[in-house]
Amino acid sequence: MYKLLTGLILLLAAVTAQATVEVVATTSTMGMLTRTVGGDAVSVRVLAPPDRDAHYLQARPSMMAALRRADLVVAVGAELEVGWLPAALQGAANPALNPGQIGYFEAAAQVELIGAGGPADRALGDVHPTGNPHVNMDPVRMAQVGRALAERLARFDEANADRFRANAEDFVRQVEQRLPVWREQVSGAPGMIAYHEDTSYLTTRLGVPVLGYVEPLPGIPPTARHLRDLVRELEGSEGVVIRAAHHPERGPRFIAEELGWTLYALPLDPPLDADARAYFELIDQWVKAMAGTL
């Protein structure tokens, strides 16, 4: 009996040691950061496919099932997922993941946001009064979020706290090493036309001029008049047009052809199972496109 009891205790200890923190990430970038910081001590499920606009998803039963089993949800925040995440959390009936609880983590809440404090006036388009939510496009802010995420994961798995912190610091170092290279690549770039304000963090970080937007207002489809006015304003100048892969092509294509500029279509998030390398490769693509060398 003693040997049996001892064996059961050892087995239970082994199972406990191998337990992982079950994390649901709203986007593949948030999934990437969770894997990078958590390593093999976390299990990650991503809700939003990287080829979809995370503004406009719908809450689905599969999302609710994943959230029901999760210890932690890692969201972008700043109302990016406001159209579907609250409904998915309600359907999951997992109170530990509700905002304000240990199981709810927002990246946007960990960093200073561009455009915070603006008017909540829908006449100005699809505005976010708490600030621009697209922090995933700024590696420096993502590194800051990584540090905060390490501390949150440590509350679930204190035994791995030092590993989480070390992984987060390694991500910080990688960003610091790459940042001067990215800035050098876009040095002297004439500027770009973007479709939406989802690139603002990266262009601001690297000092790339944004010459205009395909959207007349955030989230508002372009009119023919707006596109013609944009072409007229920039005629004779140089630059590139870049749209996120999920945005419509027609408007950006018209502008690029009229101005004789190169048009690029790039994802805003890395693949579903991305690691830090895949994220940096994504930023590399955007930097080369901004420089016109992709």
C-alpha atoms as a PDB file:
ATOM      1  CA  MET A   1       0.000   0.000   0.000  1.00  0.00           C
ATOM      2  CA  TYR A   2       2.823   2.384   0.888  1.00  0.00           C
ATOM      3  CA  LYS A   3       4.540   1.760  -2.468  1.00  0.00           C
ATOM      4  CA  LEU A   4       1.268   2.281  -4.315  1.00  0.00           C
ATOM      5  CA  LEU A   5       0.599   5.539  -2.497  1.00  0.00           C
ATOM      6  CA  THR A   6       4.132   6.747  -3.181  1.00  0.00           C
ATOM      7  CA  GLY A   7       3.743   5.890  -6.842  1.00  0.00           C
ATOM      8  CA  LEU A   8       0.476   7.802  -7.103  1.00  0.00           C
ATOM      9  CA  ILE A   9       2.057  10.850  -5.462  1.00  0.00           C
ATOM     10  CA  LEU A  10       4.997  10.771  -7.867  1.00  0.00           C
ATOM     11  CA  LEU A  11       2.653  10.355 -10.842  1.00  0.00           C
ATOM     12  CA  LEU A  12       0.531  13.290  -9.699  1.00  0.00           C
ATOM     13  CA  ALA A  13       3.645  15.429  -9.274  1.00  0.00           C
ATOM     14  CA  ALA A  14       4.826  14.540 -12.755  1.00  0.00           C
ATOM     15  CA  VAL A  15       1.455  15.413 -14.293  1.00  0.00           C
ATOM     16  CA  THR A  16       1.350  18.698 -12.387  1.00  0.00           C
ATOM     17  CA  ALA A  17       4.878  19.572 -13.544  1.00  0.00           C
ATOM     18  CA  GLN A  18       3.897  18.983 -17.147  1.00  0.00           C
ATOM     19  CA  ALA A  19       0.663  21.029 -16.945  1.00  0.00           C
ATOM     20  CA  THR A  20       0.511  23.990 -19.286  1.00  0.00           C
ATOM     21  CA  VAL A  21      -1.330  27.276 -19.085  1.00  0.00           C
ATOM     22  CA  GLU A  22      -4.236  27.108 -21.542  1.00  0.00           C
ATOM     23  CA  VAL A  23      -4.280  30.381 -23.471  1.00  0.00           C
ATOM     24  CA  VAL A  24      -6.702  31.683 -26.091  1.00  0.00           C
ATOM     25  CA  ALA A  25      -5.260  34.499 -28.214  1.00  0.00           C
ATOM     26  CA  THR A  26      -7.576  36.645 -30.290  1.00  0.00           C
ATOM     27  CA  THR A  27      -5.119  37.138 -33.179  1.00  0.00           C
ATOM     28  CA  SER A  28      -2.105  35.275 -34.518  1.00  0.00           C
ATOM     29  CA  THR A  29       0.225  38.083 -33.401  1.00  0.00           C
ATOM     30  CA  MET A  30      -1.038  37.694 -29.851  1.00  0.00           C
ATOM     31  CA  GLY A  31      -0.593  33.947 -30.248  1.00  0.00           C
ATOM     32  CA  MET A  32       2.969  34.474 -31.458  1.00  0.00           C
ATOM     33  CA  LEU A  33       3.839  36.629 -28.467  1.00  0.00           C
ATOM     34  CA  THR A  34       2.293  34.144 -26.039  1.00  0.00           C
ATOM     35  CA  ARG A  35       4.304  31.253 -27.516  1.00  0.00           C
ATOM     36  CA  THR A  36       7.461  33.364 -27.531  1.00  0.00           C
ATOM     37  CA  VAL A  37       7.129  34.303 -23.872  1.00  0.00           C
ATOM     38  CA  GLY A  38       5.516  31.113 -22.584  1.00  0.00           C
ATOM     39  CA  GLY A  39       7.477  28.508 -24.529  1.00  0.00           C
ATOM     40  CA  ASP A  40       6.385  24.927 -23.876  1.00  0.00           C
ATOM     41  CA  ALA A  41       4.717  25.974 -20.618  1.00  0.00           C
ATOM     42  CA  VAL A  42       1.718  27.330 -22.545  1.00  0.00           C
ATOM     43  CA  SER A  43      -0.792  25.905 -24.983  1.00  0.00           C
ATOM     44  CA  VAL A  44      -2.191  28.482 -27.427  1.00  0.00           C
ATOM     45  CA  ARG A  45      -5.388  28.574 -29.484  1.00  0.00           C
ATOM     46  CA  VAL A  46      -5.900  31.514 -31.904  1.00  0.00           C
ATOM     47  CA  LEU A  47      -9.429  32.749 -32.654  1.00  0.00           C
ATOM     48  CA  ALA A  48      -9.034  35.182 -35.587  1.00  0.00           C
ATOM     49  CA  PRO A  49      -7.552  33.847 -38.848  1.00  0.00           C
ATOM     50  CA  PRO A  50      -4.675  36.077 -40.004  1.00  0.00           C
ATOM     51  CA  ASP A  51      -6.314  36.654 -43.398  1.00  0.00           C
ATOM     52  CA  ARG A  52      -9.421  38.221 -41.844  1.00  0.00           C
ATOM     53  CA  ASP A  53     -10.057  41.716 -40.511  1.00  0.00           C
ATOM     54  CA  ALA A  54     -10.215  41.281 -36.737  1.00  0.00           C
ATOM     55  CA  HIS A  55     -12.628  44.228 -36.517  1.00  0.00           C
ATOM     56  CA  TYR A  56     -15.427  42.335 -38.196  1.00  0.00           C
ATOM     57  CA  LEU A  57     -15.525  38.722 -37.030  1.00  0.00           C
ATOM     58  CA  GLN A  58     -18.563  37.050 -35.485  1.00  0.00           C
ATOM     59  CA  ALA A  59     -18.679  35.154 -32.209  1.00  0.00           C
ATOM     60  CA  ARG A  60     -18.865  31.440 -33.004  1.00  0.00           C
ATOM     61  CA  PRO A  61     -19.538  28.318 -30.906  1.00  0.00           C
ATOM     62  CA  SER A  62     -15.958  27.150 -31.529  1.00  0.00           C
ATOM     63  CA  MET A  63     -14.660  30.371 -29.971  1.00  0.00           C
ATOM     64  CA  MET A  64     -16.882  29.901 -26.940  1.00  0.00           C
ATOM     65  CA  ALA A  65     -15.748  26.305 -26.510  1.00  0.00           C
ATOM     66  CA  ALA A  66     -12.079  27.345 -26.596  1.00  0.00           C
ATOM     67  CA  LEU A  67     -12.662  30.161 -24.099  1.00  0.00           C
ATOM     68  CA  ARG A  68     -14.627  27.875 -21.796  1.00  0.00           C
ATOM     69  CA  ARG A  69     -11.547  25.676 -21.308  1.00  0.00           C
ATOM     70  CA  ALA A  70      -8.977  28.497 -21.133  1.00  0.00           C
ATOM     71  CA  ASP A  71      -7.043  29.859 -18.178  1.00  0.00           C
ATOM     72  CA  LEU A  72      -6.166  33.109 -19.944  1.00  0.00           C
ATOM     73  CA  VAL A  73      -7.367  35.121 -22.939  1.00  0.00           C
ATOM     74  CA  VAL A  74      -4.811  37.407 -24.600  1.00  0.00           C
ATOM     75  CA  ALA A  75      -6.522  40.129 -26.636  1.00  0.00           C
ATOM     76  CA  VAL A  76      -5.276  43.122 -28.606  1.00  0.00           C
ATOM     77  CA  GLY A  77      -7.798  45.393 -26.906  1.00  0.00           C
ATOM     78  CA  ALA A  78      -8.644  49.072 -27.488  1.00  0.00           C
ATOM     79  CA  GLU A  79     -11.981  47.862 -28.914  1.00  0.00           C
ATOM     80  CA  LEU A  80     -10.416  45.992 -31.837  1.00  0.00           C
ATOM     81  CA  GLU A  81     -12.425  42.874 -30.942  1.00  0.00           C
ATOM     82  CA  VAL A  82     -15.428  44.719 -29.490  1.00  0.00           C
ATOM     83  CA  GLY A  83     -17.795  43.356 -32.141  1.00  0.00           C
ATOM     84  CA  TRP A  84     -17.299  39.707 -31.177  1.00  0.00           C
ATOM     85  CA  LEU A  85     -15.086  38.988 -28.158  1.00  0.00           C
ATOM     86  CA  PRO A  86     -17.562  40.167 -25.472  1.00  0.00           C
ATOM     87  CA  ALA A  87     -20.254  37.949 -26.999  1.00  0.00           C
ATOM     88  CA  ALA A  88     -17.847  34.997 -27.188  1.00  0.00           C
ATOM     89  CA  LEU A  89     -16.837  35.485 -23.553  1.00  0.00           C
ATOM     90  CA  GLN A  90     -20.461  35.670 -22.477  1.00  0.00           C
ATOM     91  CA  GLY A  91     -21.245  32.469 -24.338  1.00  0.00           C
ATOM     92  CA  ALA A  92     -18.208  30.743 -22.839  1.00  0.00           C
ATOM     93  CA  ALA A  93     -19.520  31.285 -19.297  1.00  0.00           C
ATOM     94  CA  ASN A  94     -15.983  31.327 -17.891  1.00  0.00           C
ATOM     95  CA  PRO A  95     -15.984  34.167 -15.315  1.00  0.00           C
ATOM     96  CA  ALA A  96     -12.222  33.884 -14.809  1.00  0.00           C
ATOM     97  CA  LEU A  97     -11.761  35.449 -18.265  1.00  0.00           C
ATOM     98  CA  ASN A  98     -13.989  38.463 -17.733  1.00  0.00           C
ATOM     99  CA  PRO A  99     -12.362  41.931 -18.002  1.00  0.00           C
ATOM    100  CA  GLY A 100     -10.788  42.846 -14.689  1.00  0.00           C
ATOM    101  CA  GLN A 101     -10.006  39.243 -13.811  1.00  0.00           C
ATOM    102  CA  ILE A 102      -6.594  37.570 -13.830  1.00  0.00           C
ATOM    103  CA  GLY A 103      -7.590  35.570 -16.896  1.00  0.00           C
ATOM    104  CA  TYR A 104      -8.152  38.632 -19.101  1.00  0.00           C
ATOM    105  CA  PHE A 105      -5.122  40.357 -20.677  1.00  0.00           C
ATOM    106  CA  GLU A 106      -5.141  43.218 -23.187  1.00  0.00           C
ATOM    107  CA  ALA A 107      -2.012  44.212 -25.085  1.00  0.00           C
ATOM    108  CA  ALA A 108      -3.256  47.752 -25.688  1.00  0.00           C
ATOM    109  CA  ALA A 109      -3.631  48.322 -21.951  1.00  0.00           C
ATOM    110  CA  GLN A 110       0.113  47.776 -21.450  1.00  0.00           C
ATOM    111  CA  VAL A 111       1.402  50.556 -23.733  1.00  0.00           C
ATOM    112  CA  GLU A 112       0.762  54.157 -24.737  1.00  0.00           C
ATOM    113  CA  LEU A 113      -1.625  54.342 -27.701  1.00  0.00           C
ATOM    114  CA  ILE A 114      -1.654  56.653 -30.691  1.00  0.00           C
ATOM    115  CA  GLY A 115      -4.799  58.758 -30.982  1.00  0.00           C
ATOM    116  CA  ALA A 116      -6.067  58.170 -27.468  1.00  0.00           C
ATOM    117  CA  GLY A 117      -8.687  60.573 -26.150  1.00  0.00           C
ATOM    118  CA  GLY A 118     -10.279  61.444 -29.480  1.00  0.00           C
ATOM    119  CA  PRO A 119     -14.015  62.145 -29.793  1.00  0.00           C
ATOM    120  CA  ALA A 120     -16.364  59.146 -29.899  1.00  0.00           C
ATOM    121  CA  ASP A 121     -18.120  60.539 -32.964  1.00  0.00           C
ATOM    122  CA  ARG A 122     -19.133  58.013 -35.647  1.00  0.00           C
ATOM    123  CA  ALA A 123     -19.367  60.893 -38.107  1.00  0.00           C
ATOM    124  CA  LEU A 124     -15.574  60.711 -38.053  1.00  0.00           C
ATOM    125  CA  GLY A 125     -15.606  57.081 -39.156  1.00  0.00           C
ATOM    126  CA  ASP A 126     -14.838  53.876 -37.282  1.00  0.00           C
ATOM    127  CA  VAL A 127     -13.022  55.653 -34.472  1.00  0.00           C
ATOM    128  CA  HIS A 128     -11.472  54.155 -31.333  1.00  0.00           C
ATOM    129  CA  PRO A 129     -11.638  56.761 -28.530  1.00  0.00           C
ATOM    130  CA  THR A 130      -9.298  54.702 -26.355  1.00  0.00           C
ATOM    131  CA  GLY A 131      -6.648  54.869 -29.096  1.00  0.00           C
ATOM    132  CA  ASN A 132      -5.501  53.131 -32.250  1.00  0.00           C
ATOM    133  CA  PRO A 133      -5.663  49.396 -31.486  1.00  0.00           C
ATOM    134  CA  HIS A 134      -3.125  48.181 -34.057  1.00  0.00           C
ATOM    135  CA  VAL A 135      -0.189  47.925 -31.629  1.00  0.00           C
ATOM    136  CA  ASN A 136       0.824  44.621 -33.254  1.00  0.00           C
ATOM    137  CA  MET A 137       2.500  46.630 -36.019  1.00  0.00           C
ATOM    138  CA  ASP A 138       5.017  48.192 -33.616  1.00  0.00           C
ATOM    139  CA  PRO A 139       7.707  45.702 -32.531  1.00  0.00           C
ATOM    140  CA  VAL A 140       8.821  48.027 -29.730  1.00  0.00           C
ATOM    141  CA  ARG A 141       5.371  48.115 -28.177  1.00  0.00           C
ATOM    142  CA  MET A 142       5.062  44.374 -28.688  1.00  0.00           C
ATOM    143  CA  ALA A 143       8.258  43.935 -26.698  1.00  0.00           C
ATOM    144  CA  GLN A 144       6.743  46.006 -23.881  1.00  0.00           C
ATOM    145  CA  VAL A 145       3.607  43.884 -24.020  1.00  0.00           C
ATOM    146  CA  GLY A 146       5.787  40.772 -23.855  1.00  0.00           C
ATOM    147  CA  ARG A 147       7.249  41.883 -20.547  1.00  0.00           C
ATOM    148  CA  ALA A 148       3.788  42.482 -19.095  1.00  0.00           C
ATOM    149  CA  LEU A 149       2.587  39.131 -20.442  1.00  0.00           C
ATOM    150  CA  ALA A 150       5.494  37.369 -18.726  1.00  0.00           C
ATOM    151  CA  GLU A 151       4.324  38.755 -15.397  1.00  0.00           C
ATOM    152  CA  ARG A 152       0.745  37.655 -16.066  1.00  0.00           C
ATOM    153  CA  LEU A 153       1.799  34.128 -17.025  1.00  0.00           C
ATOM    154  CA  ALA A 154       3.927  33.982 -13.871  1.00  0.00           C
ATOM    155  CA  ARG A 155       0.748  34.352 -11.813  1.00  0.00           C
ATOM    156  CA  PHE A 156      -0.522  31.116 -13.341  1.00  0.00           C
ATOM    157  CA  ASP A 157       2.809  29.253 -13.243  1.00  0.00           C
ATOM    158  CA  GLU A 158       5.162  30.660 -10.618  1.00  0.00           C
ATOM    159  CA  ALA A 159       7.650  27.834 -11.160  1.00  0.00           C
ATOM    160  CA  ASN A 160       8.334  29.087 -14.688  1.00  0.00           C
ATOM    161  CA  ALA A 161       8.291  32.803 -13.876  1.00  0.00           C
ATOM    162  CA  ASP A 162      12.019  33.268 -14.516  1.00  0.00           C
ATOM    163  CA  ARG A 163      11.731  31.462 -17.866  1.00  0.00           C
ATOM    164  CA  PHE A 164       8.860  33.720 -18.922  1.00  0.00           C
ATOM    165  CA  ARG A 165      10.823  36.836 -18.011  1.00  0.00           C
ATOM    166  CA  ALA A 166      13.963  35.599 -19.765  1.00  0.00           C
ATOM    167  CA  ASN A 167      11.991  34.812 -22.925  1.00  0.00           C
ATOM    168  CA  ALA A 168      10.409  38.254 -22.869  1.00  0.00           C
ATOM    169  CA  GLU A 169      13.829  39.909 -22.488  1.00  0.00           C
ATOM    170  CA  ASP A 170      15.168  37.851 -25.396  1.00  0.00           C
ATOM    171  CA  PHE A 171      12.333  39.194 -27.568  1.00  0.00           C
ATOM    172  CA  VAL A 172      13.203  42.733 -26.431  1.00  0.00           C
ATOM    173  CA  ARG A 173      16.835  42.194 -27.453  1.00  0.00           C
ATOM    174  CA  GLN A 174      15.824  40.896 -30.872  1.00  0.00           C
ATOM    175  CA  VAL A 175      13.690  43.972 -31.488  1.00  0.00           C
ATOM    176  CA  GLU A 176      16.495  46.281 -30.375  1.00  0.00           C
ATOM    177  CA  GLN A 177      18.914  44.560 -32.762  1.00  0.00           C
ATOM    178  CA  ARG A 178      16.573  44.833 -35.739  1.00  0.00           C
ATOM    179  CA  LEU A 179      15.282  48.370 -35.198  1.00  0.00           C
ATOM    180  CA  PRO A 180      18.366  50.226 -36.540  1.00  0.00           C
ATOM    181  CA  VAL A 181      18.376  47.965 -39.626  1.00  0.00           C
ATOM    182  CA  TRP A 182      14.707  48.685 -40.347  1.00  0.00           C
ATOM    183  CA  ARG A 183      15.261  52.433 -39.930  1.00  0.00           C
ATOM    184  CA  GLU A 184      18.215  52.337 -42.303  1.00  0.00           C
ATOM    185  CA  GLN A 185      16.173  50.471 -44.911  1.00  0.00           C
ATOM    186  CA  VAL A 186      13.458  53.142 -45.021  1.00  0.00           C
ATOM    187  CA  SER A 187      15.814  56.081 -44.703  1.00  0.00           C
ATOM    188  CA  GLY A 188      14.931  58.464 -47.517  1.00  0.00           C
ATOM    189  CA  ALA A 189      11.739  56.626 -48.474  1.00  0.00           C
ATOM    190  CA  PRO A 190       9.417  59.178 -50.148  1.00  0.00           C
ATOM    191  CA  GLY A 191       6.333  57.929 -48.332  1.00  0.00           C
ATOM    192  CA  MET A 192       3.301  55.749 -48.781  1.00  0.00           C
ATOM    193  CA  ILE A 193      -0.450  55.714 -49.182  1.00  0.00           C
ATOM    194  CA  ALA A 194      -2.114  53.341 -46.733  1.00  0.00           C
ATOM    195  CA  TYR A 195      -5.604  51.934 -46.900  1.00  0.00           C
ATOM    196  CA  HIS A 196      -6.445  52.221 -43.189  1.00  0.00           C
ATOM    197  CA  GLU A 197      -4.742  53.536 -40.053  1.00  0.00           C
ATOM    198  CA  ASP A 198      -3.520  50.034 -39.201  1.00  0.00           C
ATOM    199  CA  THR A 199       0.082  50.868 -40.143  1.00  0.00           C
ATOM    200  CA  SER A 200       0.347  54.047 -38.073  1.00  0.00           C
ATOM    201  CA  TYR A 201       2.467  52.522 -35.326  1.00  0.00           C
ATOM    202  CA  LEU A 202       5.066  51.181 -37.738  1.00  0.00           C
ATOM    203  CA  THR A 203       5.261  54.294 -39.916  1.00  0.00           C
ATOM    204  CA  THR A 204       5.564  56.487 -36.822  1.00  0.00           C
ATOM    205  CA  ARG A 205       8.220  54.240 -35.290  1.00  0.00           C
ATOM    206  CA  LEU A 206      10.322  54.255 -38.484  1.00  0.00           C
ATOM    207  CA  GLY A 207       9.605  57.835 -39.562  1.00  0.00           C
ATOM    208  CA  VAL A 208       7.962  56.906 -42.871  1.00  0.00           C
ATOM    209  CA  PRO A 209       5.677  59.674 -44.229  1.00  0.00           C
ATOM    210  CA  VAL A 210       2.032  58.690 -44.773  1.00  0.00           C
ATOM    211  CA  LEU A 211       0.901  60.720 -47.776  1.00  0.00           C
ATOM    212  CA  GLY A 212      -2.761  59.775 -47.583  1.00  0.00           C
ATOM    213  CA  TYR A 213      -5.332  57.078 -46.973  1.00  0.00           C
ATOM    214  CA  VAL A 214      -7.515  55.176 -49.409  1.00  0.00           C
ATOM    215  CA  GLU A 215     -10.322  55.492 -46.863  1.00  0.00           C
ATOM    216  CA  PRO A 216     -11.670  59.056 -46.581  1.00  0.00           C
ATOM    217  CA  LEU A 217     -12.384  58.274 -42.914  1.00  0.00           C
ATOM    218  CA  PRO A 218     -11.426  55.190 -40.864  1.00  0.00           C
ATOM    219  CA  GLY A 219     -13.640  52.268 -41.822  1.00  0.00           C
ATOM    220  CA  ILE A 220     -15.475  54.236 -44.542  1.00  0.00           C
ATOM    221  CA  PRO A 221     -15.161  52.828 -48.102  1.00  0.00           C
ATOM    222  CA  PRO A 222     -13.529  55.220 -50.574  1.00  0.00           C
ATOM    223  CA  THR A 223     -15.603  57.182 -53.044  1.00  0.00           C
ATOM    224  CA  ALA A 224     -14.521  57.827 -56.625  1.00  0.00           C
ATOM    225  CA  ARG A 225     -14.216  61.518 -55.809  1.00  0.00           C
ATOM    226  CA  HIS A 226     -11.921  60.865 -52.857  1.00  0.00           C
ATOM    227  CA  LEU A 227      -9.663  58.645 -54.968  1.00  0.00           C
ATOM    228  CA  ARG A 228      -9.468  61.229 -57.765  1.00  0.00           C
ATOM    229  CA  ASP A 229      -8.693  64.000 -55.281  1.00  0.00           C
ATOM    230  CA  LEU A 230      -5.915  61.891 -53.760  1.00  0.00           C
ATOM    231  CA  VAL A 231      -4.399  61.261 -57.196  1.00  0.00           C
ATOM    232  CA  ARG A 232      -4.631  64.941 -58.103  1.00  0.00           C
ATOM    233  CA  GLU A 233      -2.938  65.955 -54.862  1.00  0.00           C
ATOM    234  CA  LEU A 234      -0.008  63.544 -55.290  1.00  0.00           C
ATOM    235  CA  GLU A 235       0.439  63.660 -59.070  1.00  0.00           C
ATOM    236  CA  GLY A 236       4.096  64.028 -60.024  1.00  0.00           C
ATOM    237  CA  SER A 237       5.411  62.813 -56.666  1.00  0.00           C
ATOM    238  CA  GLU A 238       6.920  59.476 -55.677  1.00  0.00           C
ATOM    239  CA  GLY A 239       5.804  56.806 -53.245  1.00  0.00           C
ATOM    240  CA  VAL A 240       4.164  53.417 -52.861  1.00  0.00           C
ATOM    241  CA  VAL A 241       0.651  52.204 -52.123  1.00  0.00           C
ATOM    242  CA  ILE A 242       0.276  49.488 -49.473  1.00  0.00           C
ATOM    243  CA  ARG A 243      -2.927  47.762 -48.436  1.00  0.00           C
ATOM    244  CA  ALA A 244      -3.512  45.004 -45.922  1.00  0.00           C
ATOM    245  CA  ALA A 245      -4.243  41.761 -47.739  1.00  0.00           C
ATOM    246  CA  HIS A 246      -7.850  41.666 -46.483  1.00  0.00           C
ATOM    247  CA  HIS A 247      -8.671  45.150 -47.788  1.00  0.00           C
ATOM    248  CA  PRO A 248     -10.341  45.593 -51.206  1.00  0.00           C
ATOM    249  CA  GLU A 249      -7.924  45.991 -54.106  1.00  0.00           C
ATOM    250  CA  ARG A 250      -9.913  48.240 -56.451  1.00  0.00           C
ATOM    251  CA  GLY A 251      -9.260  51.628 -54.820  1.00  0.00           C
ATOM    252  CA  PRO A 252      -5.544  51.081 -54.139  1.00  0.00           C
ATOM    253  CA  ARG A 253      -5.096  49.660 -57.661  1.00  0.00           C
ATOM    254  CA  PHE A 254      -6.661  52.767 -59.207  1.00  0.00           C
ATOM    255  CA  ILE A 255      -4.392  55.104 -57.246  1.00  0.00           C
ATOM    256  CA  ALA A 256      -1.252  53.098 -58.009  1.00  0.00           C
ATOM    257  CA  GLU A 257      -1.982  52.938 -61.735  1.00  0.00           C
ATOM    258  CA  GLU A 258      -2.854  56.627 -61.987  1.00  0.00           C
ATOM    259  CA  LEU A 259       0.292  57.704 -60.126  1.00  0.00           C
ATOM    260  CA  GLY A 260       2.570  55.046 -61.600  1.00  0.00           C
ATOM    261  CA  TRP A 261       3.419  53.758 -58.139  1.00  0.00           C
ATOM    262  CA  THR A 262       3.987  50.191 -56.982  1.00  0.00           C
ATOM    263  CA  LEU A 263       1.105  48.534 -55.131  1.00  0.00           C
ATOM    264  CA  TYR A 264       1.769  46.018 -52.352  1.00  0.00           C
ATOM    265  CA  ALA A 265      -0.702  43.787 -50.499  1.00  0.00           C
ATOM    266  CA  LEU A 266       0.609  42.418 -47.208  1.00  0.00           C
ATOM    267  CA  PRO A 267      -0.823  40.608 -44.164  1.00  0.00           C
ATOM    268  CA  LEU A 268      -1.132  42.445 -40.863  1.00  0.00           C
ATOM    269  CA  ASP A 269      -0.605  39.293 -38.822  1.00  0.00           C
ATOM    270  CA  PRO A 270       1.755  36.310 -39.192  1.00  0.00           C
ATOM    271  CA  PRO A 271       0.545  32.707 -39.759  1.00  0.00           C
ATOM    272  CA  LEU A 272      -1.584  30.984 -37.116  1.00  0.00           C
ATOM    273  CA  ASP A 273       1.321  29.016 -35.627  1.00  0.00           C
ATOM    274  CA  ALA A 274       3.866  31.835 -35.940  1.00  0.00           C
ATOM    275  CA  ASP A 275       6.931  32.196 -33.761  1.00  0.00           C
ATOM    276  CA  ALA A 276       9.020  35.347 -33.253  1.00  0.00           C
ATOM    277  CA  ARG A 277      10.953  34.716 -36.465  1.00  0.00           C
ATOM    278  CA  ALA A 278       7.730  34.699 -38.517  1.00  0.00           C
ATOM    279  CA  TYR A 279       6.652  37.962 -36.879  1.00  0.00           C
ATOM    280  CA  PHE A 280       9.963  39.638 -37.686  1.00  0.00           C
ATOM    281  CA  GLU A 281       9.723  38.363 -41.258  1.00  0.00           C
ATOM    282  CA  LEU A 282       6.315  40.050 -41.504  1.00  0.00           C
ATOM    283  CA  ILE A 283       7.781  43.358 -40.322  1.00  0.00           C
ATOM    284  CA  ASP A 284      10.658  42.861 -42.781  1.00  0.00           C
ATOM    285  CA  GLN A 285       8.098  42.643 -45.603  1.00  0.00           C
ATOM    286  CA  TRP A 286       6.405  45.868 -44.583  1.00  0.00           C
ATOM    287  CA  VAL A 287       9.722  47.680 -44.241  1.00  0.00           C
ATOM    288  CA  LYS A 288      10.847  46.591 -47.704  1.00  0.00           C
ATOM    289  CA  ALA A 289       7.493  47.582 -49.180  1.00  0.00           C
ATOM    290  CA  MET A 290       7.722  51.022 -47.571  1.00  0.00           C
ATOM    291  CA  ALA A 291      11.193  51.368 -49.075  1.00  0.00           C
ATOM    292  CA  GLY A 292       9.912  50.143 -52.453  1.00  0.00           C
ATOM    293  CA  THR A 293      12.347  47.229 -52.512  1.00  0.00           C
ATOM    294  CA  LEU A 294      10.095  44.248 -51.841  1.00  0.00           C
END
